[in-house]
Amino acid sequence: MIDMILSIAIPLLFALAIYWIGGRISAKGSANPGKVKPYACGEDLPGVKSNLDITRFYVYLVYFMIFDILGVILSLAFTANPIYIALFIAPTIAALLFIAIRVEDVGG
C-alpha cells in the first residue's frame, strides 16, 4: 500500500517542483498599454462573427480516438491469434463507416 502511495506522490512532487522552479526563473514581460489592445496594430477588431462548425472537430476527435485505440490494439496483438485481431478491427471499421454515413447525412 505504501508503495502505491509513493509511486503517486513522488512524481507529483517532482512535477510540482519543476512547475514552481519554472515559474520562478521564466522570463516575465513588462505590462504596457499596447499589449492589452484587442488588435495587433491598435485598431478595434472587425465586427465579423466567425462561422466555426464545432461539430466537425468532434468528428475528427472521434476519428483520432478510433485510430489511436486501434493502433494500441494492433501493437499488442501481433502475438495473438489472427481471429482476435479481426474481432478487434471489425468494430473499428463499423464505427468508421457509421461516422462517414452520419457526416454525409448531416452535410459535412
PDB file of N, CA and C in Angstrom:
ATOM      1  N   MET A   1       0.824  -1.194   0.000  1.00  0.00           N
ATOM      2  CA  MET A   1       0.000   0.000   0.000  1.00  0.00           C
ATOM      3  C   MET A   1       0.871   1.263   0.000  1.00  0.00           C
ATOM      4  N   ILE A   2       1.946   1.221   0.790  1.00  0.00           N
ATOM      5  CA  ILE A   2       2.825   2.387   0.855  1.00  0.00           C
ATOM      6  C   ILE A   2       3.559   2.586  -0.464  1.00  0.00           C
ATOM      7  N   ASP A   3       3.821   1.483  -1.188  1.00  0.00           N
ATOM      8  CA  ASP A   3       4.480   1.594  -2.487  1.00  0.00           C
ATOM      9  C   ASP A   3       3.592   2.319  -3.491  1.00  0.00           C
ATOM     10  N   MET A   4       2.299   2.032  -3.444  1.00  0.00           N
ATOM     11  CA  MET A   4       1.378   2.679  -4.360  1.00  0.00           C
ATOM     12  C   MET A   4       1.291   4.181  -4.053  1.00  0.00           C
ATOM     13  N   ILE A   5       1.253   4.525  -2.794  1.00  0.00           N
ATOM     14  CA  ILE A   5       1.189   5.941  -2.413  1.00  0.00           C
ATOM     15  C   ILE A   5       2.464   6.660  -2.834  1.00  0.00           C
ATOM     16  N   LEU A   6       3.605   6.029  -2.615  1.00  0.00           N
ATOM     17  CA  LEU A   6       4.869   6.645  -3.011  1.00  0.00           C
ATOM     18  C   LEU A   6       4.999   6.762  -4.521  1.00  0.00           C
ATOM     19  N   SER A   7       4.491   5.775  -5.263  1.00  0.00           N
ATOM     20  CA  SER A   7       4.583   5.841  -6.716  1.00  0.00           C
ATOM     21  C   SER A   7       3.724   6.955  -7.293  1.00  0.00           C
ATOM     22  N   ILE A   8       2.748   7.424  -6.558  1.00  0.00           N
ATOM     23  CA  ILE A   8       1.939   8.573  -6.995  1.00  0.00           C
ATOM     24  C   ILE A   8       2.507   9.877  -6.436  1.00  0.00           C
ATOM     25  N   ALA A   9       2.928   9.852  -5.186  1.00  0.00           N
ATOM     26  CA  ALA A   9       3.361  11.081  -4.513  1.00  0.00           C
ATOM     27  C   ALA A   9       4.703  11.599  -5.038  1.00  0.00           C
ATOM     28  N   ILE A  10       5.651  10.723  -5.281  1.00  0.00           N
ATOM     29  CA  ILE A  10       6.979  11.177  -5.708  1.00  0.00           C
ATOM     30  C   ILE A  10       6.938  11.853  -7.076  1.00  0.00           C
ATOM     31  N   PRO A  11       6.316  11.266  -8.115  1.00  0.00           N
ATOM     32  CA  PRO A  11       6.234  12.000  -9.390  1.00  0.00           C
ATOM     33  C   PRO A  11       5.429  13.295  -9.285  1.00  0.00           C
ATOM     34  N   LEU A  12       4.400  13.293  -8.439  1.00  0.00           N
ATOM     35  CA  LEU A  12       3.618  14.511  -8.244  1.00  0.00           C
ATOM     36  C   LEU A  12       4.482  15.605  -7.613  1.00  0.00           C
ATOM     37  N   LEU A  13       5.302  15.255  -6.637  1.00  0.00           N
ATOM     38  CA  LEU A  13       6.189  16.241  -6.017  1.00  0.00           C
ATOM     39  C   LEU A  13       7.234  16.755  -7.005  1.00  0.00           C
ATOM     40  N   PHE A  14       7.778  15.859  -7.829  1.00  0.00           N
ATOM     41  CA  PHE A  14       8.729  16.302  -8.857  1.00  0.00           C
ATOM     42  C   PHE A  14       8.062  17.257  -9.846  1.00  0.00           C
ATOM     43  N   ALA A  15       6.865  16.931 -10.273  1.00  0.00           N
ATOM     44  CA  ALA A  15       6.151  17.798 -11.221  1.00  0.00           C
ATOM     45  C   ALA A  15       5.862  19.154 -10.602  1.00  0.00           C
ATOM     46  N   LEU A  16       5.437  19.171  -9.355  1.00  0.00           N
ATOM     47  CA  LEU A  16       5.177  20.448  -8.681  1.00  0.00           C
ATOM     48  C   LEU A  16       6.458  21.258  -8.516  1.00  0.00           C
ATOM     49  N   ALA A  17       7.555  20.599  -8.204  1.00  0.00           N
ATOM     50  CA  ALA A  17       8.826  21.300  -8.054  1.00  0.00           C
ATOM     51  C   ALA A  17       9.273  21.898  -9.382  1.00  0.00           C
ATOM     52  N   ILE A  18       9.153  21.145 -10.472  1.00  0.00           N
ATOM     53  CA  ILE A  18       9.534  21.666 -11.788  1.00  0.00           C
ATOM     54  C   ILE A  18       8.644  22.833 -12.176  1.00  0.00           C
ATOM     55  N   TYR A  19       7.348  22.726 -11.907  1.00  0.00           N
ATOM     56  CA  TYR A  19       6.422  23.815 -12.215  1.00  0.00           C
ATOM     57  C   TYR A  19       6.764  25.065 -11.409  1.00  0.00           C
ATOM     58  N   TRP A  20       7.070  24.899 -10.143  1.00  0.00           N
ATOM     59  CA  TRP A  20       7.383  26.039  -9.280  1.00  0.00           C
ATOM     60  C   TRP A  20       8.700  26.693  -9.707  1.00  0.00           C
ATOM     61  N   ILE A  21       9.719  25.882  -9.979  1.00  0.00           N
ATOM     62  CA  ILE A  21      11.010  26.424 -10.415  1.00  0.00           C
ATOM     63  C   ILE A  21      10.855  27.124 -11.757  1.00  0.00           C
ATOM     64  N   GLY A  22      10.116  26.543 -12.674  1.00  0.00           N
ATOM     65  CA  GLY A  22       9.890  27.172 -13.971  1.00  0.00           C
ATOM     66  C   GLY A  22       9.179  28.502 -13.852  1.00  0.00           C
ATOM     67  N   GLY A  23       8.229  28.600 -12.935  1.00  0.00           N
ATOM     68  CA  GLY A  23       7.538  29.873 -12.712  1.00  0.00           C
ATOM     69  C   GLY A  23       8.460  30.929 -12.125  1.00  0.00           C
ATOM     70  N   ARG A  24       9.425  30.513 -11.342  1.00  0.00           N
ATOM     71  CA  ARG A  24      10.358  31.464 -10.732  1.00  0.00           C
ATOM     72  C   ARG A  24      11.413  31.965 -11.710  1.00  0.00           C
ATOM     73  N   ILE A  25      11.903  31.098 -12.604  1.00  0.00           N
ATOM     74  CA  ILE A  25      13.009  31.516 -13.462  1.00  0.00           C
ATOM     75  C   ILE A  25      12.569  31.924 -14.865  1.00  0.00           C
ATOM     76  N   SER A  26      11.279  31.816 -15.177  1.00  0.00           N
ATOM     77  CA  SER A  26      10.826  32.169 -16.525  1.00  0.00           C
ATOM     78  C   SER A  26      10.864  33.678 -16.727  1.00  0.00           C
ATOM     79  N   ALA A  27      10.988  34.072 -17.991  1.00  0.00           N
ATOM     80  CA  ALA A  27      11.042  35.496 -18.326  1.00  0.00           C
ATOM     81  C   ALA A  27       9.669  36.120 -18.125  1.00  0.00           C
ATOM     82  N   LYS A  28       9.648  37.243 -17.484  1.00  0.00           N
ATOM     83  CA  LYS A  28       8.402  37.977 -17.252  1.00  0.00           C
ATOM     84  C   LYS A  28       8.416  39.232 -18.114  1.00  0.00           C
ATOM     85  N   GLY A  29       7.369  39.444 -18.840  1.00  0.00           N
ATOM     86  CA  GLY A  29       7.265  40.641 -19.666  1.00  0.00           C
ATOM     87  C   GLY A  29       6.729  41.809 -18.860  1.00  0.00           C
ATOM     88  N   SER A  30       7.033  43.000 -19.340  1.00  0.00           N
ATOM     89  CA  SER A  30       6.511  44.178 -18.657  1.00  0.00           C
ATOM     90  C   SER A  30       5.143  44.532 -19.240  1.00  0.00           C
ATOM     91  N   ALA A  31       4.259  45.001 -18.387  1.00  0.00           N
ATOM     92  CA  ALA A  31       2.914  45.381 -18.832  1.00  0.00           C
ATOM     93  C   ALA A  31       2.973  46.768 -19.463  1.00  0.00           C
ATOM     94  N   ASN A  32       2.453  46.893 -20.674  1.00  0.00           N
ATOM     95  CA  ASN A  32       2.360  48.191 -21.311  1.00  0.00           C
ATOM     96  C   ASN A  32       0.992  48.288 -21.996  1.00  0.00           C
ATOM     97  N   PRO A  33       0.541  49.497 -22.307  1.00  0.00           N
ATOM     98  CA  PRO A  33      -0.809  49.633 -22.867  1.00  0.00           C
ATOM     99  C   PRO A  33      -0.991  48.960 -24.218  1.00  0.00           C
ATOM    100  N   GLY A  34       0.058  48.788 -25.002  1.00  0.00           N
ATOM    101  CA  GLY A  34      -0.076  48.175 -26.314  1.00  0.00           C
ATOM    102  C   GLY A  34      -0.407  46.693 -26.247  1.00  0.00           C
ATOM    103  N   LYS A  35      -0.021  46.023 -25.152  1.00  0.00           N
ATOM    104  CA  LYS A  35      -0.271  44.599 -25.042  1.00  0.00           C
ATOM    105  C   LYS A  35      -1.720  44.274 -24.737  1.00  0.00           C
ATOM    106  N   VAL A  36      -2.431  45.215 -24.172  1.00  0.00           N
ATOM    107  CA  VAL A  36      -3.827  44.949 -23.840  1.00  0.00           C
ATOM    108  C   VAL A  36      -4.780  45.400 -24.934  1.00  0.00           C
ATOM    109  N   LYS A  37      -4.267  45.926 -26.023  1.00  0.00           N
ATOM    110  CA  LYS A  37      -5.107  46.303 -27.158  1.00  0.00           C
ATOM    111  C   LYS A  37      -5.687  45.046 -27.788  1.00  0.00           C
ATOM    112  N   PRO A  38      -6.895  45.108 -28.314  1.00  0.00           N
ATOM    113  CA  PRO A  38      -7.508  43.905 -28.859  1.00  0.00           C
ATOM    114  C   PRO A  38      -6.980  43.490 -30.220  1.00  0.00           C
ATOM    115  N   TYR A  39      -6.225  44.327 -30.884  1.00  0.00           N
ATOM    116  CA  TYR A  39      -5.770  44.017 -32.235  1.00  0.00           C
ATOM    117  C   TYR A  39      -4.297  44.379 -32.335  1.00  0.00           C
ATOM    118  N   ALA A  40      -3.572  43.755 -33.210  1.00  0.00           N
ATOM    119  CA  ALA A  40      -2.121  43.887 -33.243  1.00  0.00           C
ATOM    120  C   ALA A  40      -1.646  45.317 -33.487  1.00  0.00           C
ATOM    121  N   CYS A  41      -2.312  46.068 -34.361  1.00  0.00           N
ATOM    122  CA  CYS A  41      -1.832  47.410 -34.663  1.00  0.00           C
ATOM    123  C   CYS A  41      -2.612  48.482 -33.909  1.00  0.00           C
ATOM    124  N   GLY A  42      -3.379  48.105 -32.911  1.00  0.00           N
ATOM    125  CA  GLY A  42      -4.088  49.076 -32.106  1.00  0.00           C
ATOM    126  C   GLY A  42      -5.488  49.394 -32.587  1.00  0.00           C
ATOM    127  N   GLU A  43      -5.893  48.825 -33.711  1.00  0.00           N
ATOM    128  CA  GLU A  43      -7.246  49.047 -34.202  1.00  0.00           C
ATOM    129  C   GLU A  43      -8.219  48.133 -33.476  1.00  0.00           C
ATOM    130  N   ASP A  44      -9.483  48.510 -33.523  1.00  0.00           N
ATOM    131  CA  ASP A  44     -10.501  47.643 -32.947  1.00  0.00           C
ATOM    132  C   ASP A  44     -10.714  46.445 -33.862  1.00  0.00           C
ATOM    133  N   LEU A  45     -11.138  45.360 -33.264  1.00  0.00           N
ATOM    134  CA  LEU A  45     -11.414  44.171 -34.042  1.00  0.00           C
ATOM    135  C   LEU A  45     -12.612  44.393 -34.955  1.00  0.00           C
ATOM    136  N   PRO A  46     -12.589  43.842 -36.141  1.00  0.00           N
ATOM    137  CA  PRO A  46     -13.765  43.944 -37.002  1.00  0.00           C
ATOM    138  C   PRO A  46     -14.946  43.195 -36.392  1.00  0.00           C
ATOM    139  N   GLY A  47     -16.131  43.653 -36.684  1.00  0.00           N
ATOM    140  CA  GLY A  47     -17.319  43.068 -36.088  1.00  0.00           C
ATOM    141  C   GLY A  47     -17.839  41.846 -36.802  1.00  0.00           C
ATOM    142  N   VAL A  48     -16.989  41.095 -37.470  1.00  0.00           N
ATOM    143  CA  VAL A  48     -17.415  39.919 -38.215  1.00  0.00           C
ATOM    144  C   VAL A  48     -17.385  38.713 -37.287  1.00  0.00           C
ATOM    145  N   LYS A  49     -18.474  37.971 -37.280  1.00  0.00           N
ATOM    146  CA  LYS A  49     -18.504  36.749 -36.492  1.00  0.00           C
ATOM    147  C   LYS A  49     -17.910  35.613 -37.325  1.00  0.00           C
ATOM    148  N   SER A  50     -17.128  34.801 -36.683  1.00  0.00           N
ATOM    149  CA  SER A  50     -16.564  33.663 -37.397  1.00  0.00           C
ATOM    150  C   SER A  50     -17.575  32.526 -37.389  1.00  0.00           C
ATOM    151  N   ASN A  51     -17.737  31.914 -38.521  1.00  0.00           N
ATOM    152  CA  ASN A  51     -18.637  30.776 -38.645  1.00  0.00           C
ATOM    153  C   ASN A  51     -17.831  29.504 -38.441  1.00  0.00           C
ATOM    154  N   LEU A  52     -17.782  29.054 -37.225  1.00  0.00           N
ATOM    155  CA  LEU A  52     -16.992  27.891 -36.870  1.00  0.00           C
ATOM    156  C   LEU A  52     -17.934  26.744 -36.553  1.00  0.00           C
ATOM    157  N   ASP A  53     -17.796  25.665 -37.287  1.00  0.00           N
ATOM    158  CA  ASP A  53     -18.640  24.496 -37.088  1.00  0.00           C
ATOM    159  C   ASP A  53     -17.918  23.542 -36.141  1.00  0.00           C
ATOM    160  N   ILE A  54     -18.312  23.581 -34.877  1.00  0.00           N
ATOM    161  CA  ILE A  54     -17.618  22.803 -33.857  1.00  0.00           C
ATOM    162  C   ILE A  54     -17.902  21.316 -33.997  1.00  0.00           C
ATOM    163  N   THR A  55     -18.990  20.958 -34.652  1.00  0.00           N
ATOM    164  CA  THR A  55     -19.299  19.536 -34.777  1.00  0.00           C
ATOM    165  C   THR A  55     -18.268  18.812 -35.636  1.00  0.00           C
ATOM    166  N   ARG A  56     -17.650  19.506 -36.570  1.00  0.00           N
ATOM    167  CA  ARG A  56     -16.619  18.863 -37.388  1.00  0.00           C
ATOM    168  C   ARG A  56     -15.392  18.509 -36.544  1.00  0.00           C
ATOM    169  N   PHE A  57     -15.111  19.319 -35.532  1.00  0.00           N
ATOM    170  CA  PHE A  57     -13.992  18.997 -34.654  1.00  0.00           C
ATOM    171  C   PHE A  57     -14.271  17.716 -33.874  1.00  0.00           C
ATOM    172  N   TYR A  58     -15.538  17.510 -33.485  1.00  0.00           N
ATOM    173  CA  TYR A  58     -15.884  16.284 -32.774  1.00  0.00           C
ATOM    174  C   TYR A  58     -15.738  15.064 -33.673  1.00  0.00           C
ATOM    175  N   VAL A  59     -16.046  15.215 -34.939  1.00  0.00           N
ATOM    176  CA  VAL A  59     -15.867  14.103 -35.872  1.00  0.00           C
ATOM    177  C   VAL A  59     -14.381  13.749 -35.965  1.00  0.00           C
ATOM    178  N   TYR A  60     -13.522  14.755 -36.072  1.00  0.00           N
ATOM    179  CA  TYR A  60     -12.081  14.481 -36.110  1.00  0.00           C
ATOM    180  C   TYR A  60     -11.595  13.879 -34.799  1.00  0.00           C
ATOM    181  N   LEU A  61     -12.190  14.313 -33.692  1.00  0.00           N
ATOM    182  CA  LEU A  61     -11.826  13.741 -32.400  1.00  0.00           C
ATOM    183  C   LEU A  61     -12.180  12.264 -32.345  1.00  0.00           C
ATOM    184  N   VAL A  62     -13.350  11.913 -32.842  1.00  0.00           N
ATOM    185  CA  VAL A  62     -13.752  10.508 -32.840  1.00  0.00           C
ATOM    186  C   VAL A  62     -12.838   9.700 -33.753  1.00  0.00           C
ATOM    187  N   TYR A  63     -12.511  10.242 -34.924  1.00  0.00           N
ATOM    188  CA  TYR A  63     -11.571   9.553 -35.811  1.00  0.00           C
ATOM    189  C   TYR A  63     -10.230   9.323 -35.108  1.00  0.00           C
ATOM    190  N   PHE A  64      -9.733  10.339 -34.443  1.00  0.00           N
ATOM    191  CA  PHE A  64      -8.455  10.204 -33.746  1.00  0.00           C
ATOM    192  C   PHE A  64      -8.529   9.127 -32.682  1.00  0.00           C
ATOM    193  N   MET A  65      -9.603   9.133 -31.903  1.00  0.00           N
ATOM    194  CA  MET A  65      -9.725   8.142 -30.837  1.00  0.00           C
ATOM    195  C   MET A  65      -9.806   6.729 -31.406  1.00  0.00           C
ATOM    196  N   ILE A  66     -10.545   6.576 -32.506  1.00  0.00           N
ATOM    197  CA  ILE A  66     -10.668   5.249 -33.101  1.00  0.00           C
ATOM    198  C   ILE A  66      -9.303   4.758 -33.569  1.00  0.00           C
ATOM    199  N   PHE A  67      -8.566   5.592 -34.284  1.00  0.00           N
ATOM    200  CA  PHE A  67      -7.274   5.157 -34.792  1.00  0.00           C
ATOM    201  C   PHE A  67      -6.242   5.012 -33.684  1.00  0.00           C
ATOM    202  N   ASP A  68      -6.351   5.809 -32.658  1.00  0.00           N
ATOM    203  CA  ASP A  68      -5.422   5.694 -31.538  1.00  0.00           C
ATOM    204  C   ASP A  68      -5.636   4.370 -30.819  1.00  0.00           C
ATOM    205  N   ILE A  69      -6.871   4.052 -30.533  1.00  0.00           N
ATOM    206  CA  ILE A  69      -7.169   2.793 -29.848  1.00  0.00           C
ATOM    207  C   ILE A  69      -6.833   1.609 -30.749  1.00  0.00           C
ATOM    208  N   LEU A  70      -7.127   1.742 -32.032  1.00  0.00           N
ATOM    209  CA  LEU A  70      -6.800   0.670 -32.967  1.00  0.00           C
ATOM    210  C   LEU A  70      -5.289   0.442 -33.027  1.00  0.00           C
ATOM    211  N   GLY A  71      -4.514   1.509 -32.995  1.00  0.00           N
ATOM    212  CA  GLY A  71      -3.062   1.365 -33.008  1.00  0.00           C
ATOM    213  C   GLY A  71      -2.546   0.635 -31.789  1.00  0.00           C
ATOM    214  N   VAL A  72      -3.105   0.942 -30.631  1.00  0.00           N
ATOM    215  CA  VAL A  72      -2.685   0.247 -29.408  1.00  0.00           C
ATOM    216  C   VAL A  72      -3.067  -1.226 -29.479  1.00  0.00           C
ATOM    217  N   ILE A  73      -4.289  -1.478 -29.934  1.00  0.00           N
ATOM    218  CA  ILE A  73      -4.737  -2.870 -30.016  1.00  0.00           C
ATOM    219  C   ILE A  73      -3.868  -3.659 -30.990  1.00  0.00           C
ATOM    220  N   LEU A  74      -3.592  -3.067 -32.142  1.00  0.00           N
ATOM    221  CA  LEU A  74      -2.782  -3.794 -33.127  1.00  0.00           C
ATOM    222  C   LEU A  74      -1.347  -3.987 -32.662  1.00  0.00           C
ATOM    223  N   SER A  75      -0.810  -3.002 -31.949  1.00  0.00           N
ATOM    224  CA  SER A  75       0.567  -3.162 -31.477  1.00  0.00           C
ATOM    225  C   SER A  75       0.672  -4.251 -30.418  1.00  0.00           C
ATOM    226  N   LEU A  76      -0.397  -4.487 -29.693  1.00  0.00           N
ATOM    227  CA  LEU A  76      -0.379  -5.541 -28.684  1.00  0.00           C
ATOM    228  C   LEU A  76      -0.826  -6.891 -29.234  1.00  0.00           C
ATOM    229  N   ALA A  77      -1.370  -6.904 -30.445  1.00  0.00           N
ATOM    230  CA  ALA A  77      -1.989  -8.116 -30.950  1.00  0.00           C
ATOM    231  C   ALA A  77      -1.103  -8.919 -31.892  1.00  0.00           C
ATOM    232  N   PHE A  78       0.148  -8.564 -32.065  1.00  0.00           N
ATOM    233  CA  PHE A  78       0.982  -9.299 -33.010  1.00  0.00           C
ATOM    234  C   PHE A  78       1.242 -10.731 -32.559  1.00  0.00           C
ATOM    235  N   THR A  79       1.170 -10.977 -31.282  1.00  0.00           N
ATOM    236  CA  THR A  79       1.388 -12.342 -30.798  1.00  0.00           C
ATOM    237  C   THR A  79       0.071 -13.088 -30.615  1.00  0.00           C
ATOM    238  N   ALA A  80      -1.041 -12.425 -30.874  1.00  0.00           N
ATOM    239  CA  ALA A  80      -2.345 -13.046 -30.654  1.00  0.00           C
ATOM    240  C   ALA A  80      -2.783 -13.835 -31.882  1.00  0.00           C
ATOM    241  N   ASN A  81      -3.826 -14.583 -31.700  1.00  0.00           N
ATOM    242  CA  ASN A  81      -4.442 -15.340 -32.774  1.00  0.00           C
ATOM    243  C   ASN A  81      -5.056 -14.355 -33.775  1.00  0.00           C
ATOM    244  N   PRO A  82      -4.932 -14.577 -35.076  1.00  0.00           N
ATOM    245  CA  PRO A  82      -5.478 -13.638 -36.062  1.00  0.00           C
ATOM    246  C   PRO A  82      -6.979 -13.408 -35.944  1.00  0.00           C
ATOM    247  N   ILE A  83      -7.713 -14.373 -35.421  1.00  0.00           N
ATOM    248  CA  ILE A  83      -9.156 -14.181 -35.266  1.00  0.00           C
ATOM    249  C   ILE A  83      -9.446 -13.080 -34.245  1.00  0.00           C
ATOM    250  N   TYR A  84      -8.607 -12.978 -33.225  1.00  0.00           N
ATOM    251  CA  TYR A  84      -8.783 -11.918 -32.237  1.00  0.00           C
ATOM    252  C   TYR A  84      -8.492 -10.550 -32.845  1.00  0.00           C
ATOM    253  N   ILE A  85      -7.509 -10.491 -33.702  1.00  0.00           N
ATOM    254  CA  ILE A  85      -7.200  -9.227 -34.377  1.00  0.00           C
ATOM    255  C   ILE A  85      -8.379  -8.803 -35.239  1.00  0.00           C
ATOM    256  N   ALA A  86      -8.964  -9.755 -35.957  1.00  0.00           N
ATOM    257  CA  ALA A  86     -10.133  -9.438 -36.787  1.00  0.00           C
ATOM    258  C   ALA A  86     -11.312  -9.009 -35.929  1.00  0.00           C
ATOM    259  N   LEU A  87     -11.473  -9.616 -34.765  1.00  0.00           N
ATOM    260  CA  LEU A  87     -12.571  -9.229 -33.870  1.00  0.00           C
ATOM    261  C   LEU A  87     -12.370  -7.826 -33.304  1.00  0.00           C
ATOM    262  N   PHE A  88     -11.129  -7.389 -33.187  1.00  0.00           N
ATOM    263  CA  PHE A  88     -10.875  -6.030 -32.723  1.00  0.00           C
ATOM    264  C   PHE A  88     -11.024  -5.016 -33.846  1.00  0.00           C
ATOM    265  N   ILE A  89     -10.651  -5.384 -35.052  1.00  0.00           N
ATOM    266  CA  ILE A  89     -10.699  -4.447 -36.178  1.00  0.00           C
ATOM    267  C   ILE A  89     -12.125  -4.257 -36.699  1.00  0.00           C
ATOM    268  N   ALA A  90     -12.955  -5.291 -36.654  1.00  0.00           N
ATOM    269  CA  ALA A  90     -14.313  -5.207 -37.202  1.00  0.00           C
ATOM    270  C   ALA A  90     -15.144  -4.085 -36.577  1.00  0.00           C
ATOM    271  N   PRO A  91     -15.188  -3.919 -35.248  1.00  0.00           N
ATOM    272  CA  PRO A  91     -15.963  -2.794 -34.701  1.00  0.00           C
ATOM    273  C   PRO A  91     -15.378  -1.441 -35.089  1.00  0.00           C
ATOM    274  N   THR A  92     -14.075  -1.369 -35.265  1.00  0.00           N
ATOM    275  CA  THR A  92     -13.461  -0.112 -35.677  1.00  0.00           C
ATOM    276  C   THR A  92     -13.914   0.270 -37.076  1.00  0.00           C
ATOM    277  N   ILE A  93     -13.896  -0.684 -37.980  1.00  0.00           N
ATOM    278  CA  ILE A  93     -14.348  -0.409 -39.344  1.00  0.00           C
ATOM    279  C   ILE A  93     -15.828  -0.057 -39.352  1.00  0.00           C
ATOM    280  N   ALA A  94     -16.617  -0.751 -38.544  1.00  0.00           N
ATOM    281  CA  ALA A  94     -18.048  -0.445 -38.457  1.00  0.00           C
ATOM    282  C   ALA A  94     -18.269   0.966 -37.930  1.00  0.00           C
ATOM    283  N   ALA A  95     -17.502   1.373 -36.941  1.00  0.00           N
ATOM    284  CA  ALA A  95     -17.638   2.729 -36.407  1.00  0.00           C
ATOM    285  C   ALA A  95     -17.247   3.771 -37.429  1.00  0.00           C
ATOM    286  N   LEU A  96     -16.181   3.513 -38.181  1.00  0.00           N
ATOM    287  CA  LEU A  96     -15.765   4.456 -39.225  1.00  0.00           C
ATOM    288  C   LEU A  96     -16.831   4.596 -40.303  1.00  0.00           C
ATOM    289  N   LEU A  97     -17.418   3.481 -40.704  1.00  0.00           N
ATOM    290  CA  LEU A  97     -18.483   3.542 -41.706  1.00  0.00           C
ATOM    291  C   LEU A  97     -19.703   4.288 -41.174  1.00  0.00           C
ATOM    292  N   PHE A  98     -20.041   4.058 -39.917  1.00  0.00           N
ATOM    293  CA  PHE A  98     -21.175   4.743 -39.306  1.00  0.00           C
ATOM    294  C   PHE A  98     -20.939   6.247 -39.253  1.00  0.00           C
ATOM    295  N   ILE A  99     -19.746   6.644 -38.874  1.00  0.00           N
ATOM    296  CA  ILE A  99     -19.429   8.078 -38.810  1.00  0.00           C
ATOM    297  C   ILE A  99     -19.454   8.694 -40.197  1.00  0.00           C
ATOM    298  N   ALA A 100     -18.894   7.981 -41.185  1.00  0.00           N
ATOM    299  CA  ALA A 100     -18.890   8.512 -42.548  1.00  0.00           C
ATOM    300  C   ALA A 100     -20.308   8.693 -43.073  1.00  0.00           C
ATOM    301  N   ILE A 101     -21.186   7.757 -42.787  1.00  0.00           N
ATOM    302  CA  ILE A 101     -22.584   7.873 -43.227  1.00  0.00           C
ATOM    303  C   ILE A 101     -23.267   9.034 -42.524  1.00  0.00           C
ATOM    304  N   ARG A 102     -23.015   9.188 -41.226  1.00  0.00           N
ATOM    305  CA  ARG A 102     -23.631  10.284 -40.463  1.00  0.00           C
ATOM    306  C   ARG A 102     -23.147  11.648 -40.948  1.00  0.00           C
ATOM    307  N   VAL A 103     -21.862  11.751 -41.292  1.00  0.00           N
ATOM    308  CA  VAL A 103     -21.327  13.019 -41.785  1.00  0.00           C
ATOM    309  C   VAL A 103     -21.954  13.372 -43.115  1.00  0.00           C
ATOM    310  N   GLU A 104     -22.153  12.377 -43.986  1.00  0.00           N
ATOM    311  CA  GLU A 104     -22.801  12.648 -45.278  1.00  0.00           C
ATOM    312  C   GLU A 104     -24.256  13.046 -45.085  1.00  0.00           C
ATOM    313  N   ASP A 105     -24.947  12.447 -44.107  1.00  0.00           N
ATOM    314  CA  ASP A 105     -26.341  12.787 -43.853  1.00  0.00           C
ATOM    315  C   ASP A 105     -26.483  14.208 -43.318  1.00  0.00           C
ATOM    316  N   VAL A 106     -25.540  14.618 -42.477  1.00  0.00           N
ATOM    317  CA  VAL A 106     -25.573  15.958 -41.896  1.00  0.00           C
ATOM    318  C   VAL A 106     -25.200  16.993 -42.945  1.00  0.00           C
ATOM    319  N   GLY A 107     -24.408  16.599 -43.902  1.00  0.00           N
ATOM    320  CA  GLY A 107     -23.998  17.518 -44.955  1.00  0.00           C
ATOM    321  C   GLY A 107     -22.595  18.042 -44.764  1.00  0.00           C
ATOM    322  N   GLY A 108     -21.747  17.271 -44.090  1.00  0.00           N
ATOM    323  CA  GLY A 108     -20.388  17.721 -43.800  1.00  0.00           C
ATOM    324  C   GLY A 108     -19.427  17.308 -44.793  1.00  0.00           C
TER     325      GLY A 108
END
